[in-house]
Amino acid sequence: KAKARDVADAIARITGLETRVAVLGHIQRGGRPTVTDRILAARLGNYAVKVLKDGLTDYCVGLKDEELFTLPLEIAIQPKKIDVEKYYALIKELA
């Protein structure tokens, strides 16, 4: 069974590009991964591979309300607009 480092090494060897391995649980949540983090990483990774096999590129995958979904990267990277007025009372209280 191939490990992430083995896959990264193969990609580097074939493409000549530097590759790095990232542990999704560490990136997404911070700290040591819990069982939930590992399951989330497995689900997202598995879904990402299925999406690629279906021919979709330039998409990210996510999870909302226990449902996996895809989102075009051009939308995913847009800055989020936050309604500051909605949180004004909290901001004032914490200041």
Foldseek 3Di string as FASTA:
>chain_A
DDDQVNVQVVCCVVVVDHGDDDQQQCVPPNDDHDPVSVVQVVVQVVVVVVCVVVPDPQWHWDADPNDIDIDHVVVVPDDDDDDVVVCVVVVVVVD
